[in-house]
């Protein structure tokens, strides 16, 4: 009996060793090399996205910074959503909506059965909680302030009341009509957060985000990586396709492309135009164009001398060779800007004549302003590549050389990205290079958001104020007929052009690159998109 038992044990051991040897685990190591498997290769389900800078927050209401939205678009969802590659409006967390005839009441029917990542319910009370939180905020909550006319109790505030009609119906009542109201609701900053998580984490919610989106937050190692994982309870059946998304920070564009080529990352933004041929000649890679809806500009802080003098600002407009910059750094993927908003936006004023590149005219204007020998200034250049300016430091050097031709000595300065934005919003720069990618496809999102006096201390880094412009922009918000709105925005662009608080430089077509096996990735003109449908072949 013992002998039979011994043979049985030997036989079982042999069978188990045979099964281990035949297993399809392709990660087993033998002699340091991966062994071939008879099984089908496991489909890749982790996407590593390389980008130029880190997020400044993961609570989208606290910033207007694009690196934040790249991540938060995948954690949070908005009441309405934009089209796959445009800014048409579609259902989001709200399935339908009705607008009253006087454009003062908006009634939204919410999607049922949706859960936040912490397991709590999404409903009308959650929507009311978020808007009460936002509209009772302060100047740190930039997006709400600029998109809805200030905070609760302020004269320009648009929203009179928001209330839950029932568990899945919410009603907004406005103080005055606001034509882009629905488009504003779809903007990235207005992703709906879990009230439970907001109350639990307080100010630390920006490091512990909880939404309803296709991916859940896992980890943030600042200036290194942000890790998200699949939301297994996502309301959209069969999605997301990926199991994990990792956002990696690789500041320099060429280094990022090397990482892509070497297989360290799967997708990257900020491809230098000079590297386009490198991507297209590699059959393991694909070049991707983001639809253009942006402006890159040189801004002047208009409450600091000598930039408080309109003639000085006009002179510096004449001293920059925009086409030369485009030829040198954009490879044909940009056009010279003459207005603060791109031609793709309705209401664009093409009748305006740009300030021509004319150094003699620039010198004349400086002399008229009282600076015949020029002056000294600081020129602040972005430390990271941006879609509207992939090689900002090199562009700054070109501008520096041009200014020297008219006697203006510009010293180039820079700091890390988060500090750069912080100093800009405080108006600490003489002149600064920056840009804007549109949030919602409406002219209000460029002209009012970036240059109205209401936006000083948020997105109006130039501290530019013009009462006539303000009246025009507020009237454009109230006007519900688009043709009349367009005429008002054309008038606003004329005022801005004359005052010259900026040098509008370029409208670019940003380039991205990815491995050839990525499918269903559709970059959005707003600069950020959910990766819900992305997968590998």
Protein backbone atom coordinates (compact mmCIF):
# COMPACT_ATOMS: atom_id res chain seq x y z
CA UNK A 1 0.00 0.00 0.00
CA UNK A 2 2.85 2.40 0.91
CA UNK A 3 4.66 1.48 -2.32
CA UNK A 4 1.57 2.30 -4.42
CA UNK A 5 1.19 5.61 -2.61
CA UNK A 6 4.81 6.46 -3.33
CA UNK A 7 4.36 5.85 -7.05
CA UNK A 8 1.16 7.92 -7.04
CA UNK A 9 2.98 10.88 -5.51
CA UNK A 10 5.81 10.59 -8.03
CA UNK A 11 3.31 10.52 -10.90
CA UNK A 12 1.44 13.59 -9.61
CA UNK A 13 4.71 15.51 -9.26
CA UNK A 14 5.70 14.65 -12.82
CA UNK A 15 2.32 15.76 -14.17
CA UNK A 16 2.49 19.06 -12.29
CA UNK A 17 5.98 19.77 -13.64
CA UNK A 18 4.75 18.99 -17.15
CA UNK A 19 1.86 21.44 -16.74
CA UNK A 20 4.21 24.19 -15.53
CA UNK A 21 6.52 23.58 -18.48
CA UNK A 22 3.60 23.86 -20.91
CA UNK A 23 2.07 26.98 -19.37
CA UNK A 24 1.58 30.01 -21.61
CA UNK A 25 3.31 32.49 -19.29
CA UNK A 26 5.48 34.45 -21.74
CA UNK A 27 7.09 36.37 -18.88
CA UNK A 28 8.95 33.32 -17.55
CA UNK A 29 12.69 33.72 -17.78
CA UNK A 30 15.00 30.98 -18.99
CA UNK A 31 18.60 31.89 -19.47
CA UNK A 32 17.60 35.58 -19.29
CA UNK A 33 15.53 35.44 -22.49
CA UNK A 34 11.79 35.41 -23.03
CA UNK A 35 10.64 32.01 -24.31
CA UNK A 36 8.14 31.57 -27.15
CA UNK A 37 4.60 30.61 -26.24
CA UNK A 38 1.99 28.57 -28.07
CA UNK A 39 -0.75 30.82 -26.65
CA UNK A 40 -2.02 34.00 -28.30
CA UNK A 41 -0.10 37.06 -27.09
CA UNK A 42 -1.93 39.03 -24.41
CA UNK A 43 -3.33 42.29 -25.79
CA UNK A 44 -1.57 45.38 -24.46
CA UNK A 45 -3.84 47.37 -22.15
CA UNK A 46 -1.63 50.05 -20.55
CA UNK A 47 -1.10 53.36 -22.36
CA UNK A 48 1.87 55.53 -21.40
CA UNK A 49 1.31 59.15 -22.48
CA UNK A 50 4.44 61.34 -22.54
CA UNK A 51 3.90 65.07 -22.04
CA UNK A 52 6.01 68.16 -21.53
CA UNK A 53 4.90 69.30 -18.08
CA UNK A 54 3.19 68.07 -14.94
CA UNK A 55 -0.33 68.94 -13.88
CA UNK A 56 -0.63 71.77 -11.37
CA UNK A 57 -3.74 70.26 -9.75
CA UNK A 58 -6.12 67.33 -10.23
CA UNK A 59 -9.14 69.34 -9.15
CA UNK A 60 -10.07 70.92 -12.49
CA UNK A 61 -11.98 73.87 -11.02
CA UNK A 62 -8.75 75.23 -9.54
CA UNK A 63 -6.86 75.90 -12.77
CA UNK A 64 -7.03 76.73 -16.45
CA UNK A 65 -3.81 74.82 -17.15
CA UNK A 66 -3.92 72.30 -20.00
CA UNK A 67 -1.71 69.63 -18.42
CA UNK A 68 -4.28 69.31 -15.66
CA UNK A 69 -7.13 68.79 -18.09
CA UNK A 70 -5.27 66.05 -20.00
CA UNK A 71 -5.64 63.98 -16.85
CA UNK A 72 -8.90 65.21 -15.33
CA UNK A 73 -10.84 64.65 -18.57
CA UNK A 74 -10.40 60.97 -17.79
CA UNK A 75 -11.40 61.17 -14.11
CA UNK A 76 -14.33 63.59 -14.22
CA UNK A 77 -17.31 64.05 -16.54
CA UNK A 78 -19.32 67.15 -17.33
CA UNK A 79 -23.07 67.60 -17.69
CA UNK A 80 -22.71 68.10 -21.43
CA UNK A 81 -19.92 66.91 -23.72
CA UNK A 82 -18.39 68.16 -26.94
CA UNK A 83 -18.25 66.19 -30.18
CA UNK A 84 -15.42 63.76 -30.80
CA UNK A 85 -13.31 66.38 -32.60
CA UNK A 86 -15.38 69.57 -32.44
CA UNK A 87 -17.32 71.68 -29.94
CA UNK A 88 -20.86 70.68 -30.90
CA UNK A 89 -22.92 69.79 -27.81
CA UNK A 90 -23.91 66.24 -26.87
CA UNK A 91 -25.33 64.49 -23.79
CA UNK A 92 -22.92 63.80 -20.96
CA UNK A 93 -24.00 63.27 -17.38
CA UNK A 94 -27.15 65.07 -18.50
CA UNK A 95 -29.11 63.08 -21.10
CA UNK A 96 -31.28 65.99 -22.28
CA UNK A 97 -31.99 69.66 -21.63
CA UNK A 98 -34.68 72.28 -22.25
CA UNK A 99 -34.16 76.04 -22.47
CA UNK A 100 -36.99 78.50 -21.72
CA UNK A 101 -38.07 81.02 -24.36
CA UNK A 102 -36.51 83.90 -22.42
CA UNK A 103 -33.19 81.96 -22.16
CA UNK A 104 -33.19 82.32 -18.38
CA UNK A 105 -34.13 78.79 -17.30
CA UNK A 106 -32.27 75.59 -18.19
CA UNK A 107 -33.75 72.25 -17.13
CA UNK A 108 -31.45 69.22 -17.39
CA UNK A 109 -32.44 65.54 -17.08
CA UNK A 110 -29.58 63.55 -15.58
CA UNK A 111 -28.29 60.10 -16.43
CA UNK A 112 -29.43 57.46 -13.92
CA UNK A 113 -27.41 54.61 -12.44
CA UNK A 114 -24.07 56.47 -12.47
CA UNK A 115 -21.68 56.00 -9.54
CA UNK A 116 -18.72 58.07 -8.40
CA UNK A 117 -15.44 56.18 -8.04
CA UNK A 118 -15.98 56.02 -4.27
CA UNK A 119 -19.26 54.16 -4.77
CA UNK A 120 -21.58 57.08 -3.96
CA UNK A 121 -24.45 58.03 -6.27
CA UNK A 122 -24.39 60.69 -8.93
CA UNK A 123 -27.66 62.66 -8.81
CA UNK A 124 -29.14 66.16 -8.83
CA UNK A 125 -27.96 66.86 -5.28
CA UNK A 126 -24.38 66.16 -6.39
CA UNK A 127 -24.73 68.68 -9.23
CA UNK A 128 -26.14 71.32 -6.89
CA UNK A 129 -23.32 70.65 -4.40
CA UNK A 130 -20.65 71.18 -7.07
CA UNK A 131 -22.10 74.43 -8.38
CA UNK A 132 -22.63 75.79 -4.87
CA UNK A 133 -19.01 74.95 -4.14
CA UNK A 134 -17.78 76.66 -7.30
CA UNK A 135 -19.91 79.80 -7.18
CA UNK A 136 -19.09 80.38 -3.50
CA UNK A 137 -15.38 80.26 -4.33
CA UNK A 138 -12.65 82.83 -4.52
CA UNK A 139 -10.17 84.17 -7.04
CA UNK A 140 -8.21 80.90 -6.90
CA UNK A 141 -11.11 79.18 -8.66
CA UNK A 142 -10.28 80.74 -12.02
CA UNK A 143 -12.56 78.95 -14.48
CA UNK A 144 -15.81 79.57 -12.65
CA UNK A 145 -15.03 83.23 -12.09
CA UNK A 146 -14.35 83.97 -15.74
CA UNK A 147 -17.02 81.77 -17.33
CA UNK A 148 -20.01 82.72 -15.18
CA UNK A 149 -19.39 86.42 -14.55
CA UNK A 150 -17.87 86.23 -11.09
CA UNK A 151 -18.95 84.54 -7.87
CA UNK A 152 -22.25 84.43 -6.02
CA UNK A 153 -23.26 87.87 -4.79
CA UNK A 154 -21.14 89.75 -7.31
CA UNK A 155 -22.83 92.11 -9.75
CA UNK A 156 -21.93 90.21 -12.90
CA UNK A 157 -22.68 86.70 -11.63
CA UNK A 158 -24.82 84.86 -14.17
CA UNK A 159 -26.44 82.07 -12.13
CA UNK A 160 -29.29 83.25 -9.91
CA UNK A 161 -30.20 79.82 -8.56
CA UNK A 162 -29.61 76.11 -9.07
CA UNK A 163 -31.94 73.54 -7.54
CA UNK A 164 -32.77 69.85 -7.66
CA UNK A 165 -36.32 69.41 -8.99
CA UNK A 166 -36.17 65.68 -8.26
CA UNK A 167 -33.43 63.05 -7.89
CA UNK A 168 -32.43 63.26 -11.57
CA UNK A 169 -33.58 66.73 -12.67
CA UNK A 170 -31.68 69.94 -12.06
CA UNK A 171 -32.77 73.49 -12.95
CA UNK A 172 -30.59 76.55 -13.49
CA UNK A 173 -32.13 80.03 -13.32
CA UNK A 174 -30.01 82.86 -14.70
CA UNK A 175 -29.88 86.54 -13.78
CA UNK A 176 -29.43 87.42 -17.43
CA UNK A 177 -29.13 85.50 -20.68
CA UNK A 178 -25.71 84.06 -21.37
CA UNK A 179 -25.41 82.77 -24.93
CA UNK A 180 -22.51 80.36 -24.29
CA UNK A 181 -24.03 78.95 -21.08
CA UNK A 182 -24.45 75.36 -22.32
CA UNK A 183 -21.03 75.36 -23.98
CA UNK A 184 -19.54 76.53 -20.70
CA UNK A 185 -21.13 73.60 -18.85
CA UNK A 186 -19.20 71.20 -21.11
CA UNK A 187 -15.80 72.73 -20.29
CA UNK A 188 -13.18 70.60 -18.54
CA UNK A 189 -13.12 72.69 -15.32
CA UNK A 190 -16.75 71.80 -14.63
CA UNK A 191 -16.29 68.07 -14.15
CA UNK A 192 -18.66 66.84 -11.44
CA UNK A 193 -16.85 65.67 -8.30
CA UNK A 194 -18.00 63.34 -5.54
CA UNK A 195 -19.42 65.53 -2.72
CA UNK A 196 -18.35 62.89 -0.21
CA UNK A 197 -14.74 62.99 -1.41
CA UNK A 198 -14.64 66.81 -1.54
CA UNK A 199 -15.82 67.02 2.06
CA UNK A 200 -13.44 64.27 3.17
CA UNK A 201 -10.29 65.70 1.57
CA UNK A 202 -10.91 69.45 1.69
CA UNK A 203 -8.04 71.36 0.10
CA UNK A 204 -6.26 68.06 -0.56
CA UNK A 205 -8.98 67.06 -3.02
CA UNK A 206 -6.71 68.42 -5.76
CA UNK A 207 -4.40 65.48 -4.95
CA UNK A 208 -7.21 62.96 -4.37
CA UNK A 209 -9.68 63.41 -7.25
CA UNK A 210 -12.90 61.39 -7.38
CA UNK A 211 -15.28 61.65 -10.33
CA UNK A 212 -17.50 59.42 -12.48
CA UNK A 213 -15.15 59.13 -15.47
CA UNK A 214 -13.77 56.09 -17.29
CA UNK A 215 -10.59 56.00 -15.16
CA UNK A 216 -9.92 56.24 -11.43
CA UNK A 217 -7.00 58.02 -9.81
CA UNK A 218 -4.26 55.79 -8.35
CA UNK A 219 -1.03 57.74 -7.87
CA UNK A 220 0.69 61.07 -8.49
CA UNK A 221 4.48 61.34 -8.25
CA UNK A 222 4.96 65.01 -9.00
CA UNK A 223 7.10 65.90 -12.02
CA UNK A 224 7.26 62.21 -12.83
CA UNK A 225 3.99 60.37 -13.41
CA UNK A 226 0.27 60.17 -12.76
CA UNK A 227 -1.33 56.71 -12.81
CA UNK A 228 -5.00 56.02 -13.55
CA UNK A 229 -6.79 52.67 -13.69
CA UNK A 230 -9.95 51.41 -15.33
CA UNK A 231 -13.27 52.27 -13.68
CA UNK A 232 -14.85 48.81 -13.60
CA UNK A 233 -18.27 50.29 -12.83
CA UNK A 234 -18.26 52.83 -15.64
CA UNK A 235 -21.76 53.49 -16.93
CA UNK A 236 -20.82 53.14 -20.62
CA UNK A 237 -20.99 49.39 -21.23
CA UNK A 238 -17.80 47.84 -22.63
CA UNK A 239 -15.62 50.87 -21.87
CA UNK A 240 -12.95 51.94 -21.23
CA UNK A 241 -10.86 49.59 -23.33
CA UNK A 242 -7.59 50.26 -21.49
CA UNK A 243 -6.83 48.87 -18.06
CA UNK A 244 -4.37 51.60 -17.09
CA UNK A 245 -3.16 55.02 -18.27
CA UNK A 246 0.15 56.50 -17.13
CA UNK A 247 0.95 60.17 -17.82
CA UNK A 248 4.74 60.64 -17.78
CA UNK A 249 6.55 63.98 -17.63
CA UNK A 250 9.42 64.31 -20.13
CA UNK A 251 10.02 68.07 -20.49
CA UNK A 252 12.05 68.21 -23.71
CA UNK A 253 10.30 67.40 -27.00
CA UNK A 254 13.21 65.54 -28.59
CA UNK A 255 13.79 63.46 -25.47
CA UNK A 256 10.11 62.58 -25.50
CA UNK A 257 10.33 61.47 -29.13
CA UNK A 258 13.36 59.33 -28.27
CA UNK A 259 11.35 57.72 -25.49
CA UNK A 260 8.57 56.96 -27.97
CA UNK A 261 10.99 55.49 -30.50
CA UNK A 262 12.60 53.34 -27.79
CA UNK A 263 9.26 51.97 -26.60
CA UNK A 264 9.30 53.73 -23.21
CA UNK A 265 6.03 55.55 -23.99
CA UNK A 266 3.17 54.89 -26.42
CA UNK A 267 1.87 58.39 -27.17
CA UNK A 268 3.31 61.90 -26.96
CA UNK A 269 2.32 65.48 -27.60
CA UNK A 270 4.58 68.35 -28.59
CA UNK A 271 6.28 66.91 -31.64
CA UNK A 272 8.68 69.52 -33.02
CA UNK A 273 7.83 70.38 -36.61
CA UNK A 274 11.47 69.71 -37.45
CA UNK A 275 10.97 66.10 -36.25
CA UNK A 276 7.93 65.40 -38.42
CA UNK A 277 9.96 63.47 -41.02
CA UNK A 278 11.51 61.34 -38.28
CA UNK A 279 8.05 60.17 -37.27
CA UNK A 280 6.60 59.64 -40.74
CA UNK A 281 9.64 57.64 -41.89
CA UNK A 282 9.27 55.13 -39.02
CA UNK A 283 6.65 52.46 -39.78
CA UNK A 284 6.36 51.71 -36.06
CA UNK A 285 5.02 55.22 -35.43
CA UNK A 286 2.11 57.39 -36.57
CA UNK A 287 1.89 61.19 -36.81
CA UNK A 288 -1.31 62.71 -35.43
CA UNK A 289 -2.59 66.28 -35.92
CA UNK A 290 -4.71 68.00 -33.30
CA UNK A 291 -7.44 70.22 -34.83
CA UNK A 292 -6.31 73.82 -34.39
CA UNK A 293 -8.15 76.16 -32.00
CA UNK A 294 -5.42 78.16 -30.31
CA UNK A 295 -3.30 81.28 -30.18
CA UNK A 296 0.30 81.75 -29.05
CA UNK A 297 1.14 85.30 -28.01
CA UNK A 298 3.55 87.70 -26.38
CA UNK A 299 1.69 89.59 -23.66
CA UNK A 300 2.56 92.91 -22.02
CA UNK A 301 1.65 93.67 -18.42
CA UNK A 302 -0.13 96.92 -19.17
CA UNK A 303 -0.09 98.40 -15.67
CA UNK A 304 3.74 98.46 -15.58
CA UNK A 305 5.79 101.17 -17.32
CA UNK A 306 6.68 101.42 -20.13
CA UNK A 307 4.01 98.89 -21.14
CA UNK A 308 1.27 101.15 -19.81
CA UNK A 309 1.94 103.24 -22.94
CA UNK A 310 -0.05 102.08 -25.97
CA UNK A 311 2.57 103.45 -28.38
CA UNK A 312 5.25 101.24 -26.83
CA UNK A 313 3.03 98.19 -27.23
CA UNK A 314 2.29 99.08 -30.85
CA UNK A 315 6.00 99.60 -31.52
CA UNK A 316 6.84 96.13 -30.22
CA UNK A 317 4.08 94.67 -32.40
CA UNK A 318 5.88 96.14 -35.43
CA UNK A 319 9.23 94.69 -34.27
CA UNK A 320 8.37 90.98 -34.55
CA UNK A 321 8.70 88.98 -37.76
CA UNK A 322 5.89 86.47 -37.27
CA UNK A 323 6.30 84.77 -40.63
CA UNK A 324 10.02 84.33 -40.00
CA UNK A 325 9.21 82.60 -36.69
CA UNK A 326 6.68 80.34 -38.41
CA UNK A 327 9.12 79.41 -41.19
CA UNK A 328 11.86 78.63 -38.69
CA UNK A 329 9.95 76.68 -36.06
CA UNK A 330 6.55 75.53 -37.31
CA UNK A 331 7.28 73.80 -40.60
CA UNK A 332 4.16 75.15 -42.28
CA UNK A 333 1.89 73.94 -39.45
CA UNK A 334 0.89 77.44 -38.31
CA UNK A 335 -0.39 80.77 -39.57
CA UNK A 336 0.45 84.27 -38.41
CA UNK A 337 -2.00 85.64 -35.83
CA UNK A 338 -3.40 89.15 -35.95
CA UNK A 339 -6.29 88.71 -33.50
CA UNK A 340 -6.50 87.09 -30.06
CA UNK A 341 -8.78 84.35 -31.40
CA UNK A 342 -8.23 81.95 -34.31
CA UNK A 343 -10.02 82.19 -37.68
CA UNK A 344 -11.84 78.92 -36.97
CA UNK A 345 -13.97 80.65 -34.31
CA UNK A 346 -17.23 82.29 -35.38
CA UNK A 347 -17.09 86.09 -35.17
CA UNK A 348 -13.45 86.33 -36.29
CA UNK A 349 -12.66 89.77 -37.77
CA UNK A 350 -10.66 89.21 -40.94
CA UNK A 351 -10.97 92.89 -41.94
CA UNK A 352 -8.33 93.90 -39.41
CA UNK A 353 -4.88 94.60 -40.86
CA UNK A 354 -2.02 93.15 -38.85
CA UNK A 355 0.87 95.31 -37.63
CA UNK A 356 3.44 94.77 -40.39
CA UNK A 357 7.00 93.84 -39.52
CA UNK A 358 8.58 97.31 -39.81
CA UNK A 359 11.56 98.22 -37.63
CA UNK A 360 11.62 101.85 -38.75
CA UNK A 361 7.96 102.29 -37.81
CA UNK A 362 8.71 100.66 -34.47
CA UNK A 363 11.53 103.15 -33.81
CA UNK A 364 9.24 106.08 -34.72
CA UNK A 365 6.58 104.94 -32.27
CA UNK A 366 9.14 104.44 -29.51
CA UNK A 367 10.47 107.96 -30.05
CA UNK A 368 6.92 109.33 -29.99
CA UNK A 369 6.32 107.47 -26.72
CA UNK A 370 9.40 109.10 -25.20
CA UNK A 371 11.87 106.23 -25.63
CA UNK A 372 14.04 107.26 -28.61
CA UNK A 373 16.95 105.16 -27.28
CA UNK A 374 14.82 102.20 -26.31
CA UNK A 375 14.71 100.69 -22.81
CA UNK A 376 15.54 97.54 -20.83
CA UNK A 377 12.99 94.86 -20.05
CA UNK A 378 12.57 91.24 -18.97
CA UNK A 379 11.17 88.78 -21.50
CA UNK A 380 9.74 85.70 -19.81
CA UNK A 381 9.82 82.48 -21.83
CA UNK A 382 7.87 79.32 -21.03
CA UNK A 383 10.01 76.48 -19.64
CA UNK A 384 7.89 73.78 -21.29
CA UNK A 385 6.77 73.05 -24.82
CA UNK A 386 3.16 73.96 -25.46
CA UNK A 387 0.92 73.05 -28.41
CA UNK A 388 0.85 76.64 -29.63
CA UNK A 389 4.61 77.07 -29.08
CA UNK A 390 6.65 73.86 -29.18
CA UNK A 391 10.03 75.67 -29.05
CA UNK A 392 9.31 78.67 -26.85
CA UNK A 393 12.87 79.44 -25.76
CA UNK A 394 14.11 79.58 -29.35
CA UNK A 395 11.22 81.88 -30.30
CA UNK A 396 12.13 84.09 -27.33
CA UNK A 397 15.69 84.37 -28.64
CA UNK A 398 14.40 85.51 -32.04
CA UNK A 399 12.18 88.12 -30.40
CA UNK A 400 15.09 89.25 -28.23
CA UNK A 401 17.23 89.81 -31.34
CA UNK A 402 14.44 91.73 -33.09
CA UNK A 403 13.91 94.02 -30.11
CA UNK A 404 17.64 94.75 -29.99
CA UNK A 405 17.31 96.18 -33.51
CA UNK A 406 15.12 98.99 -32.15
CA UNK A 407 17.17 99.63 -29.00
CA UNK A 408 15.09 97.50 -26.63
CA UNK A 409 17.32 95.26 -24.54
CA UNK A 410 15.29 92.22 -23.50
CA UNK A 411 16.74 89.82 -20.94
CA UNK A 412 15.19 86.36 -21.24
CA UNK A 413 13.94 84.89 -17.95
CA UNK A 414 12.27 81.60 -17.06
CA UNK A 415 11.23 79.47 -14.09
CA UNK A 416 9.47 76.13 -13.65
CA UNK A 417 6.00 75.86 -15.20
CA UNK A 418 3.90 76.08 -12.03
CA UNK A 419 5.84 79.12 -10.78
CA UNK A 420 5.66 80.69 -14.23
CA UNK A 421 1.85 80.58 -14.17
CA UNK A 422 1.74 81.79 -10.58
CA UNK A 423 3.93 84.81 -11.33
CA UNK A 424 1.99 85.57 -14.53
CA UNK A 425 -1.38 85.66 -12.78
CA UNK A 426 0.05 88.07 -10.21
CA UNK A 427 1.19 90.43 -12.98
CA UNK A 428 4.89 90.14 -12.08
CA UNK A 429 6.21 90.03 -15.65
CA UNK A 430 7.16 92.89 -17.97
CA UNK A 431 6.35 90.77 -21.00
CA UNK A 432 5.63 87.06 -21.15
CA UNK A 433 5.12 84.35 -23.73
CA UNK A 434 1.99 82.28 -23.36
CA UNK A 435 -0.97 81.00 -25.32
CA UNK A 436 -4.47 79.65 -25.09
CA UNK A 437 -6.28 76.66 -26.48
CA UNK A 438 -10.02 77.30 -26.67
CA UNK A 439 -12.23 75.53 -24.15
CA UNK A 440 -15.57 75.61 -25.90
CA UNK A 441 -15.34 77.02 -29.43
CA UNK A 442 -17.03 80.30 -28.53
CA UNK A 443 -15.43 83.74 -29.07
CA UNK A 444 -16.36 84.65 -25.50
CA UNK A 445 -13.85 82.04 -24.32
CA UNK A 446 -11.02 83.98 -25.97
CA UNK A 447 -11.95 87.66 -25.76
CA UNK A 448 -13.82 87.88 -22.45
CA UNK A 449 -11.83 85.13 -20.73
CA UNK A 450 -8.40 86.45 -21.69
CA UNK A 451 -8.76 90.21 -22.06
CA UNK A 452 -11.78 91.56 -20.20
CA UNK A 453 -11.28 93.52 -16.99
CA UNK A 454 -13.42 90.91 -15.17
CA UNK A 455 -10.65 88.38 -15.89
CA UNK A 456 -7.80 90.34 -14.27
CA UNK A 457 -6.28 88.11 -11.64
CA UNK A 458 -7.34 84.98 -13.48
CA UNK A 459 -6.62 84.61 -17.22
CA UNK A 460 -6.04 88.27 -18.09
CA UNK A 461 -2.33 88.16 -17.26
CA UNK A 462 -1.79 91.49 -19.04
CA UNK A 463 -3.96 93.31 -16.47
CA UNK A 464 -5.54 95.02 -19.47
CA UNK A 465 -8.72 97.01 -18.78
CA UNK A 466 -10.95 98.84 -21.23
CA UNK A 467 -14.48 99.88 -20.23
CA UNK A 468 -15.71 100.12 -23.82
CA UNK A 469 -14.48 96.60 -24.52
CA UNK A 470 -16.17 95.33 -21.36
CA UNK A 471 -19.56 96.74 -22.40
CA UNK A 472 -19.27 95.18 -25.85
CA UNK A 473 -18.35 91.77 -24.46
CA UNK A 474 -21.15 91.73 -21.88
CA UNK A 475 -23.67 92.72 -24.56
CA UNK A 476 -22.36 89.87 -26.71
CA UNK A 477 -22.98 87.44 -23.86
CA UNK A 478 -26.56 88.65 -23.48
CA UNK A 479 -27.31 88.54 -27.22
CA UNK A 480 -28.94 85.27 -28.30
CA UNK A 481 -28.85 85.88 -32.08
CA UNK A 482 -25.49 84.61 -33.34
CA UNK A 483 -25.18 87.07 -36.24
CA UNK A 484 -25.54 90.02 -33.85
CA UNK A 485 -23.09 88.42 -31.44
CA UNK A 486 -20.57 88.05 -34.27
CA UNK A 487 -20.75 91.75 -35.08
CA UNK A 488 -20.11 92.63 -31.44
CA UNK A 489 -17.09 90.35 -31.31
CA UNK A 490 -15.69 91.90 -34.48
CA UNK A 491 -16.03 95.31 -32.81
CA UNK A 492 -14.24 93.95 -29.72
CA UNK A 493 -11.32 92.74 -31.83
CA UNK A 494 -10.91 96.23 -33.31
CA UNK A 495 -10.64 97.74 -29.82
CA UNK A 496 -8.09 95.13 -28.75
CA UNK A 497 -6.05 95.55 -31.92
CA UNK A 498 -5.77 99.31 -31.37
CA UNK A 499 -4.80 98.95 -27.69
CA UNK A 500 -2.29 96.16 -28.46
CA UNK A 501 -2.05 94.49 -25.03
CA UNK A 502 -0.52 91.49 -26.84
CA UNK A 503 1.47 90.60 -29.88
CA UNK A 504 -0.65 87.73 -31.25
CA UNK A 505 1.99 85.45 -32.79
CA UNK A 506 0.63 82.20 -34.23
CA UNK A 507 -2.28 79.83 -34.60
CA UNK A 508 -0.66 76.41 -34.73
CA UNK A 509 -1.67 72.90 -35.74
CA UNK A 510 -0.21 70.87 -32.86
CA UNK A 511 1.46 67.57 -33.70
CA UNK A 512 1.40 64.37 -31.69
CA UNK A 513 2.93 60.97 -32.34
CA UNK A 514 2.11 57.48 -31.20
CA UNK A 515 2.94 53.87 -31.84
CA UNK A 516 1.33 52.50 -34.98
CA UNK A 517 -0.83 50.00 -33.03
CA UNK A 518 -2.86 52.68 -31.19
CA UNK A 519 -6.43 52.97 -32.51
CA UNK A 520 -9.47 55.12 -31.71
CA UNK A 521 -7.44 58.05 -30.39
CA UNK A 522 -9.01 61.30 -31.58
CA UNK A 523 -7.28 64.45 -30.29
CA UNK A 524 -9.70 67.24 -29.47
CA UNK A 525 -9.25 70.90 -30.47
CA UNK A 526 -9.65 71.94 -26.81
CA UNK A 527 -6.32 70.22 -26.09
CA UNK A 528 -7.63 67.41 -23.88
CA UNK A 529 -9.74 64.33 -24.47
CA UNK A 530 -11.01 61.28 -22.61
CA UNK A 531 -9.19 58.09 -23.57
CA UNK A 532 -12.34 56.01 -23.15
CA UNK A 533 -12.26 54.29 -26.54
CA UNK A 534 -8.51 54.10 -27.09
CA UNK A 535 -7.00 50.63 -27.44
CA UNK A 536 -4.13 48.76 -29.05
CA UNK A 537 -4.53 46.62 -32.15
